[in-house]
N, C-alpha and C. Protein backbone atom coordinates (compact mmCIF):
# COMPACT_ATOMS: atom_id res chain seq x y z
N MET A 1 118.04 217.07 246.43
CA MET A 1 118.50 217.78 245.30
C MET A 1 117.31 218.18 244.99
N ASN A 2 116.79 218.95 244.24
CA ASN A 2 115.19 219.42 244.15
C ASN A 2 115.51 219.93 242.51
N TYR A 3 114.74 218.27 241.31
CA TYR A 3 114.83 218.87 240.39
C TYR A 3 113.39 218.63 239.49
N ILE A 4 113.27 220.27 238.58
CA ILE A 4 111.95 220.55 238.36
C ILE A 4 111.82 220.25 236.44
N GLN A 5 110.82 219.87 235.97
CA GLN A 5 110.76 219.40 234.77
C GLN A 5 110.56 220.03 233.87
N ILE A 6 111.48 220.52 233.05
CA ILE A 6 111.16 221.51 231.63
C ILE A 6 111.27 221.33 230.09
N CYS A 7 110.30 222.10 229.13
CA CYS A 7 110.45 222.13 228.50
C CYS A 7 112.25 221.87 227.38
N LYS A 8 112.74 220.21 227.10
CA LYS A 8 114.00 220.54 226.74
C LYS A 8 113.99 222.07 225.39
N ASN A 9 113.00 221.91 224.84
CA ASN A 9 113.11 222.91 223.81
C ASN A 9 112.96 224.69 224.33
N CYS A 10 112.52 224.96 224.98
CA CYS A 10 112.20 226.16 224.93
C CYS A 10 112.58 226.42 226.60
N GLY A 11 112.50 225.63 227.33
CA GLY A 11 112.80 225.52 229.43
C GLY A 11 112.01 226.15 229.80
N SER A 12 110.92 225.91 229.14
CA SER A 12 109.14 226.41 230.17
C SER A 12 109.27 225.31 231.03
N ASP A 13 108.73 225.68 231.77
CA ASP A 13 108.62 224.71 233.31
C ASP A 13 107.13 224.10 233.25
N GLN A 14 106.23 224.72 231.58
CA GLN A 14 104.61 224.69 231.84
C GLN A 14 104.62 223.61 230.76
N VAL A 15 104.90 222.47 231.39
CA VAL A 15 105.05 221.19 231.13
C VAL A 15 103.80 220.28 231.17
N ALA A 16 103.13 219.19 230.29
CA ALA A 16 102.23 218.56 230.52
C ALA A 16 102.87 216.72 230.57
N ARG A 17 102.10 215.91 231.21
CA ARG A 17 102.89 215.01 230.57
C ARG A 17 101.32 213.97 230.42
N LEU A 18 101.46 212.75 229.53
CA LEU A 18 99.43 212.59 229.58
C LEU A 18 99.84 211.28 229.93
N GLU A 19 98.96 211.07 231.08
CA GLU A 19 98.24 209.79 231.46
C GLU A 19 97.23 209.07 231.31
N TRP A 20 97.72 207.88 230.84
CA TRP A 20 96.81 207.04 230.79
C TRP A 20 95.88 206.67 231.84
N VAL A 21 94.74 206.48 231.40
CA VAL A 21 93.37 206.28 232.61
C VAL A 21 92.68 205.03 231.81
N ASN A 22 92.10 204.15 232.99
CA ASN A 22 91.18 202.93 232.76
C ASN A 22 90.24 203.87 232.43
N VAL A 23 89.44 203.86 231.42
CA VAL A 23 87.75 204.44 231.55
C VAL A 23 86.92 203.86 232.27
N ASN A 24 86.92 202.40 232.34
CA ASN A 24 85.56 202.28 233.12
C ASN A 24 85.65 202.35 234.81
N SER A 25 87.24 202.34 235.80
CA SER A 25 87.25 202.52 236.38
C SER A 25 87.90 204.27 236.74
N GLY A 26 87.85 204.65 235.84
CA GLY A 26 88.16 206.30 236.16
C GLY A 26 89.94 206.39 237.21
N GLU A 27 90.97 204.49 237.24
CA GLU A 27 92.09 204.69 237.93
C GLU A 27 93.20 204.67 236.54
N PRO A 28 94.45 205.58 237.20
CA PRO A 28 95.19 205.80 236.35
C PRO A 28 95.90 204.15 235.91
N PHE A 29 96.03 203.79 234.69
CA PHE A 29 96.49 202.23 234.03
C PHE A 29 97.76 201.71 234.51
N SER A 30 97.68 200.74 235.08
CA SER A 30 98.81 200.10 235.73
C SER A 30 99.95 199.54 234.21
N GLY A 31 101.02 199.60 234.33
CA GLY A 31 101.65 199.60 233.60
C GLY A 31 102.34 200.05 231.98
N ASP A 32 103.26 199.57 231.33
CA ASP A 32 103.89 200.28 230.46
C ASP A 32 102.38 200.12 229.23
N PRO A 33 101.85 201.77 228.48
CA PRO A 33 101.73 201.72 227.59
C PRO A 33 101.90 202.18 226.18
N GLY A 34 103.22 201.77 226.46
CA GLY A 34 104.19 202.31 225.11
C GLY A 34 104.05 203.51 224.24
N VAL A 35 103.29 204.11 224.96
CA VAL A 35 102.96 205.68 224.50
C VAL A 35 103.18 206.40 225.07
N TYR A 36 103.46 207.81 224.94
CA TYR A 36 103.78 209.00 225.61
C TYR A 36 104.16 209.81 225.13
N THR A 37 103.20 211.27 225.65
CA THR A 37 103.30 212.04 224.68
C THR A 37 103.42 213.69 226.14
N GLU A 38 103.78 213.91 225.44
CA GLU A 38 104.48 215.34 226.32
C GLU A 38 104.51 216.38 225.67
N TRP A 39 103.67 217.72 226.32
CA TRP A 39 103.48 218.89 226.15
C TRP A 39 103.87 219.99 226.60
N CYS A 40 104.11 220.69 225.86
CA CYS A 40 105.04 222.01 226.65
C CYS A 40 103.92 223.52 225.72
N PHE A 41 103.41 224.11 227.02
CA PHE A 41 102.60 224.85 227.11
C PHE A 41 103.31 226.10 226.36
N GLY A 42 104.31 226.59 227.10
CA GLY A 42 105.03 227.80 226.37
C GLY A 42 105.30 227.38 224.79
N CYS A 43 105.59 225.90 224.21
CA CYS A 43 105.96 225.93 222.54
C CYS A 43 104.94 226.02 221.84
N GLU A 44 103.06 225.39 222.66
CA GLU A 44 102.04 224.74 222.34
C GLU A 44 102.44 224.26 220.95
N ASP A 45 103.47 223.15 221.93
CA ASP A 45 103.75 221.61 220.22
C ASP A 45 104.50 220.54 221.73
N GLN A 46 103.60 219.07 220.32
CA GLN A 46 104.50 218.11 221.76
C GLN A 46 106.33 218.41 221.18
N THR A 47 106.38 217.58 222.92
CA THR A 47 108.29 218.31 223.67
C THR A 47 108.61 216.79 223.87
N LYS A 48 109.92 217.54 224.36
CA LYS A 48 111.05 215.84 225.11
C LYS A 48 111.16 216.73 226.72
N ILE A 49 110.06 216.10 227.74
CA ILE A 49 110.66 216.47 228.85
C ILE A 49 112.27 216.42 229.46
N VAL A 50 112.63 216.72 230.14
CA VAL A 50 114.18 217.18 231.20
C VAL A 50 114.14 217.44 232.73
N GLU A 51 114.75 217.05 233.11
CA GLU A 51 115.29 217.33 234.93
C GLU A 51 115.54 218.51 234.55
N GLU A 52 116.07 219.76 235.38
CA GLU A 52 116.72 219.93 235.54
C GLU A 52 117.26 220.59 236.77
N ILE A 53 118.77 220.59 237.12
CA ILE A 53 118.79 220.63 238.08
C ILE A 53 119.32 222.09 238.63
N ASP A 54 120.05 223.14 237.87
CA ASP A 54 120.27 224.32 238.31
C ASP A 54 119.88 225.08 237.18
N ARG A 55 118.58 226.04 237.62
CA ARG A 55 117.83 226.82 236.52
C ARG A 55 118.77 227.83 235.82
N GLY A 56 120.16 228.63 236.86
CA GLY A 56 120.65 229.13 236.07
C GLY A 56 121.85 229.11 235.24
N MET A 57 121.90 227.72 235.95
CA MET A 57 123.51 227.08 235.21
C MET A 57 123.20 226.49 233.96
N ASN A 58 121.94 226.05 233.49
CA ASN A 58 120.98 225.30 232.39
C ASN A 58 121.47 223.38 232.45
N LYS A 59 121.58 223.39 233.72
CA LYS A 59 122.90 221.79 233.80
C LYS A 59 120.96 220.85 233.59
N TYR A 60 121.28 219.62 233.01
CA TYR A 60 120.17 219.10 232.82
C TYR A 60 120.90 217.51 232.85
N LYS A 61 119.56 216.66 233.66
CA LYS A 61 119.95 215.83 233.91
C LYS A 61 118.70 214.40 233.25
N CYS A 62 119.56 213.91 232.38
CA CYS A 62 118.66 213.70 231.30
C CYS A 62 118.11 212.19 231.23
């Protein structure tokens, strides 16, 4: 089954998640930084991203 990630507030699939990068190596940070930022370009605000199972039925996998 294919899942897409969407904004919990408005349902937009135009979402992004902050990825921590080591500034010295340019490599993604390995480990858990403990801080997560998720952004919706539809709401133009921070949000919570959820995975949607069926776009027509609005069933979510949280």
